[in-house]
C-alpha atoms as a PDB file:
ATOM      1  CA  MET A   1     -25.004 -68.418-107.783  1.00  0.00           C
ATOM      2  CA  GLY A   2     -23.723 -71.824-108.860  1.00  0.00           C
ATOM      3  CA  PRO A   3     -25.923 -74.890-109.277  1.00  0.00           C
ATOM      4  CA  ASP A   4     -24.509 -76.390-106.069  1.00  0.00           C
ATOM      5  CA  ARG A   5     -25.747 -73.437-103.997  1.00  0.00           C
ATOM      6  CA  VAL A   6     -29.159 -72.897-102.467  1.00  0.00           C
ATOM      7  CA  GLY A   7     -30.400 -69.308-102.768  1.00  0.00           C
ATOM      8  CA  TYR A   8     -31.698 -67.367 -99.790  1.00  0.00           C
ATOM      9  CA  PHE A   9     -32.742 -63.750 -99.820  1.00  0.00           C
ATOM     10  CA  VAL A  10     -32.959 -60.931 -97.275  1.00  0.00           C
ATOM     11  CA  GLY A  11     -35.003 -58.263 -98.996  1.00  0.00           C
ATOM     12  CA  SER A  12     -33.339 -58.178-102.407  1.00  0.00           C
ATOM     13  CA  LEU A  13     -29.877 -59.365-101.344  1.00  0.00           C
ATOM     14  CA  PRO A  14     -29.021 -62.924-102.365  1.00  0.00           C
ATOM     15  CA  LEU A  15     -27.311 -65.031 -99.715  1.00  0.00           C
ATOM     16  CA  TYR A  16     -25.582 -68.347-100.218  1.00  0.00           C
ATOM     17  CA  SER A  17     -26.073 -69.893 -96.812  1.00  0.00           C
ATOM     18  CA  PRO A  18     -29.101 -70.161 -94.538  1.00  0.00           C
ATOM     19  CA  ASP A  19     -26.835 -68.952 -91.727  1.00  0.00           C
ATOM     20  CA  SER A  20     -26.039 -65.701 -93.560  1.00  0.00           C
ATOM     21  CA  ASP A  21     -29.283 -64.020 -92.583  1.00  0.00           C
ATOM     22  CA  TRP A  22     -28.861 -64.251 -88.784  1.00  0.00           C
ATOM     23  CA  ALA A  23     -29.285 -60.519 -88.311  1.00  0.00           C
ATOM     24  CA  SER A  24     -32.624 -60.399 -90.163  1.00  0.00           C
ATOM     25  CA  ARG A  25     -34.412 -63.089 -88.139  1.00  0.00           C
ATOM     26  CA  PRO A  26     -36.873 -63.495 -86.568  1.00  0.00           C
ATOM     27  CA  TRP A  27     -39.160 -61.069 -88.413  1.00  0.00           C
ATOM     28  CA  GLY A  28     -40.049 -58.089 -86.212  1.00  0.00           C
ATOM     29  CA  GLN A  29     -37.332 -58.913 -83.681  1.00  0.00           C
ATOM     30  CA  ASN A  30     -34.241 -58.821 -85.871  1.00  0.00           C
ATOM     31  CA  SER A  31     -30.996 -57.093 -84.986  1.00  0.00           C
ATOM     32  CA  PHE A  32     -31.812 -54.003 -87.086  1.00  0.00           C
ATOM     33  CA  ASP A  33     -35.445 -53.481 -86.050  1.00  0.00           C
ATOM     34  CA  HIS A  34     -35.900 -49.767 -85.235  1.00  0.00           C
ATOM     35  CA  LEU A  35     -32.138 -49.142 -85.051  1.00  0.00           C
ATOM     36  CA  PRO A  36     -30.685 -46.014 -86.638  1.00  0.00           C
ATOM     37  CA  ALA A  37     -28.694 -46.791 -89.770  1.00  0.00           C
ATOM     38  CA  ALA A  38     -26.670 -44.901 -92.348  1.00  0.00           C
ATOM     39  CA  VAL A  39     -25.176 -46.137 -95.582  1.00  0.00           C
ATOM     40  CA  ILE A  40     -21.847 -44.931 -96.888  1.00  0.00           C
ATOM     41  CA  GLY A  41     -19.446 -46.389 -99.393  1.00  0.00           C
ATOM     42  CA  ALA A  42     -16.439 -45.847-101.562  1.00  0.00           C
ATOM     43  CA  SER A  43     -15.602 -47.128-105.015  1.00  0.00           C
ATOM     44  CA  VAL A  44     -12.954 -46.530-107.624  1.00  0.00           C
ATOM     45  CA  GLY A  45     -15.607 -45.997-110.284  1.00  0.00           C
ATOM     46  CA  GLN A  46     -18.151 -43.240-110.560  1.00  0.00           C
ATOM     47  CA  ILE A  47     -21.269 -45.201-109.577  1.00  0.00           C
ATOM     48  CA  GLY A  48     -20.141 -48.480-107.977  1.00  0.00           C
ATOM     49  CA  THR A  49     -20.995 -47.481-104.430  1.00  0.00           C
ATOM     50  CA  ALA A  50     -24.311 -45.930-105.510  1.00  0.00           C
ATOM     51  CA  VAL A  51     -25.490 -49.237-106.957  1.00  0.00           C
ATOM     52  CA  ALA A  52     -24.309 -51.184-103.903  1.00  0.00           C
ATOM     53  CA  GLN A  53     -25.949 -48.698-101.542  1.00  0.00           C
ATOM     54  CA  GLN A  54     -29.254 -48.988-103.364  1.00  0.00           C
ATOM     55  CA  SER A  55     -29.301 -52.730-102.694  1.00  0.00           C
ATOM     56  CA  LEU A  56     -28.235 -52.314 -99.081  1.00  0.00           C
ATOM     57  CA  ARG A  57     -30.931 -49.700 -98.441  1.00  0.00           C
ATOM     58  CA  GLY A  58     -33.535 -52.223 -99.595  1.00  0.00           C
ATOM     59  CA  VAL A  59     -32.219 -54.785 -97.121  1.00  0.00           C
ATOM     60  CA  LEU A  60     -32.204 -52.259 -94.271  1.00  0.00           C
ATOM     61  CA  SER A  61     -35.765 -51.284 -95.149  1.00  0.00           C
ATOM     62  CA  PHE A  62     -36.803 -54.957 -95.099  1.00  0.00           C
ATOM     63  CA  CYS A  63     -35.220 -55.224 -91.633  1.00  0.00           C
ATOM     64  CA  ASN A  64     -37.113 -52.117 -90.447  1.00  0.00           C
ATOM     65  CA  ALA A  65     -33.991 -50.052 -89.736  1.00  0.00           C
ATOM     66  CA  ARG A  66     -34.475 -46.283 -89.381  1.00  0.00           C
ATOM     67  CA  GLN A  67     -32.327 -44.989 -92.212  1.00  0.00           C
ATOM     68  CA  MET A  68     -30.745 -41.599 -92.492  1.00  0.00           C
ATOM     69  CA  THR A  69     -31.665 -40.613 -96.040  1.00  0.00           C
ATOM     70  CA  ALA A  70     -29.649 -37.388 -96.251  1.00  0.00           C
ATOM     71  CA  PRO A  71     -26.905 -36.571 -96.700  1.00  0.00           C
ATOM     72  CA  GLU A  72     -26.034 -39.376 -99.072  1.00  0.00           C
ATOM     73  CA  ALA A  73     -22.395 -40.400 -99.101  1.00  0.00           C
ATOM     74  CA  TYR A  74     -20.634 -41.602-102.217  1.00  0.00           C
ATOM     75  CA  VAL A  75     -16.862 -41.444-101.795  1.00  0.00           C
ATOM     76  CA  HIS A  76     -14.663 -41.728-104.872  1.00  0.00           C
ATOM     77  CA  PHE A  77     -11.822 -43.938-103.661  1.00  0.00           C
ATOM     78  CA  ARG A  78      -8.331 -42.894-104.608  1.00  0.00           C
ATOM     79  CA  PRO A  79      -5.312 -44.556-102.970  1.00  0.00           C
ATOM     80  CA  GLU A  80      -3.676 -41.201-102.232  1.00  0.00           C
ATOM     81  CA  TYR A  81      -6.715 -40.164-100.158  1.00  0.00           C
ATOM     82  CA  PHE A  82      -6.206 -42.931 -97.576  1.00  0.00           C
ATOM     83  CA  GLY A  83      -3.213 -44.179 -95.620  1.00  0.00           C
ATOM     84  CA  PRO A  84      -2.316 -47.870 -95.263  1.00  0.00           C
ATOM     85  CA  ASP A  85      -4.151 -47.998 -91.919  1.00  0.00           C
ATOM     86  CA  GLY A  86      -7.315 -46.426 -93.355  1.00  0.00           C
ATOM     87  CA  GLU A  87      -6.587 -42.913 -92.118  1.00  0.00           C
ATOM     88  CA  VAL A  88      -8.158 -40.257 -94.331  1.00  0.00           C
ATOM     89  CA  LEU A  89      -5.362 -38.098 -95.745  1.00  0.00           C
ATOM     90  CA  ASP A  90      -7.368 -35.856 -98.064  1.00  0.00           C
ATOM     91  CA  GLU A  91      -8.704 -32.829 -96.140  1.00  0.00           C
ATOM     92  CA  SER A  92     -11.799 -32.403 -98.282  1.00  0.00           C
ATOM     93  CA  THR A  93     -12.763 -36.062 -97.875  1.00  0.00           C
ATOM     94  CA  ALA A  94     -12.041 -35.945 -94.139  1.00  0.00           C
ATOM     95  CA  GLY A  95     -14.264 -32.873 -93.775  1.00  0.00           C
ATOM     96  CA  PHE A  96     -17.074 -34.516 -95.720  1.00  0.00           C
ATOM     97  CA  LEU A  97     -16.875 -37.707 -93.634  1.00  0.00           C
ATOM     98  CA  SER A  98     -16.797 -35.711 -90.405  1.00  0.00           C
ATOM     99  CA  GLY A  99     -19.933 -33.832 -91.443  1.00  0.00           C
ATOM    100  CA  PHE A 100     -21.626 -37.096 -92.423  1.00  0.00           C
ATOM    101  CA  MET A 101     -20.875 -38.616 -89.010  1.00  0.00           C
ATOM    102  CA  GLN A 102     -22.151 -35.484 -87.230  1.00  0.00           C
ATOM    103  CA  GLU A 103     -25.419 -35.790 -89.159  1.00  0.00           C
ATOM    104  CA  PHE A 104     -25.610 -39.481 -88.263  1.00  0.00           C
ATOM    105  CA  ARG A 105     -25.161 -38.637 -84.591  1.00  0.00           C
ATOM    106  CA  VAL A 106     -28.112 -36.223 -84.778  1.00  0.00           C
ATOM    107  CA  HIS A 107     -30.150 -38.855 -86.639  1.00  0.00           C
ATOM    108  CA  THR A 108     -29.310 -41.469 -83.989  1.00  0.00           C
ATOM    109  CA  GLU A 109     -30.324 -39.163 -81.145  1.00  0.00           C
ATOM    110  CA  ARG A 110     -33.638 -38.426 -82.860  1.00  0.00           C
ATOM    111  CA  VAL A 111     -34.417 -42.082 -83.564  1.00  0.00           C
ATOM    112  CA  LEU A 112     -33.526 -43.223 -80.053  1.00  0.00           C
ATOM    113  CA  THR A 113     -35.566 -40.399 -78.521  1.00  0.00           C
ATOM    114  CA  VAL A 114     -38.673 -41.479 -80.421  1.00  0.00           C
ATOM    115  CA  ILE A 115     -38.047 -45.236 -80.253  1.00  0.00           C
ATOM    116  CA  PRO A 116     -36.001 -45.947 -77.108  1.00  0.00           C
ATOM    117  CA  ARG A 117     -34.159 -49.284 -76.993  1.00  0.00           C
ATOM    118  CA  SER A 118     -35.220 -51.492 -74.125  1.00  0.00           C
END
């Protein structure tokens, strides 16, 4: 953060504008309160997405989102695995992502059954 910037934080995530935290306000009524959430990411390195996901999970917790904690999803990005339009070309990766999304659907149904949205 440069000296000309004012720091704002949502959980542990630094923001550089007071307008950047619109989804986390007001406390207890924010856009993520009691909503099902899952975190997934891809990186070219071995742990890049794991570090980023750790920070994002803290923010989602601060916003009271109902996080799916398993399975965790760390995708090793390789250009040959994805087409130019984002289509997943690698069968193993496609199968993993499909399973992840099926688990998230079950998680969403459970969360919304216990905490219905009004």
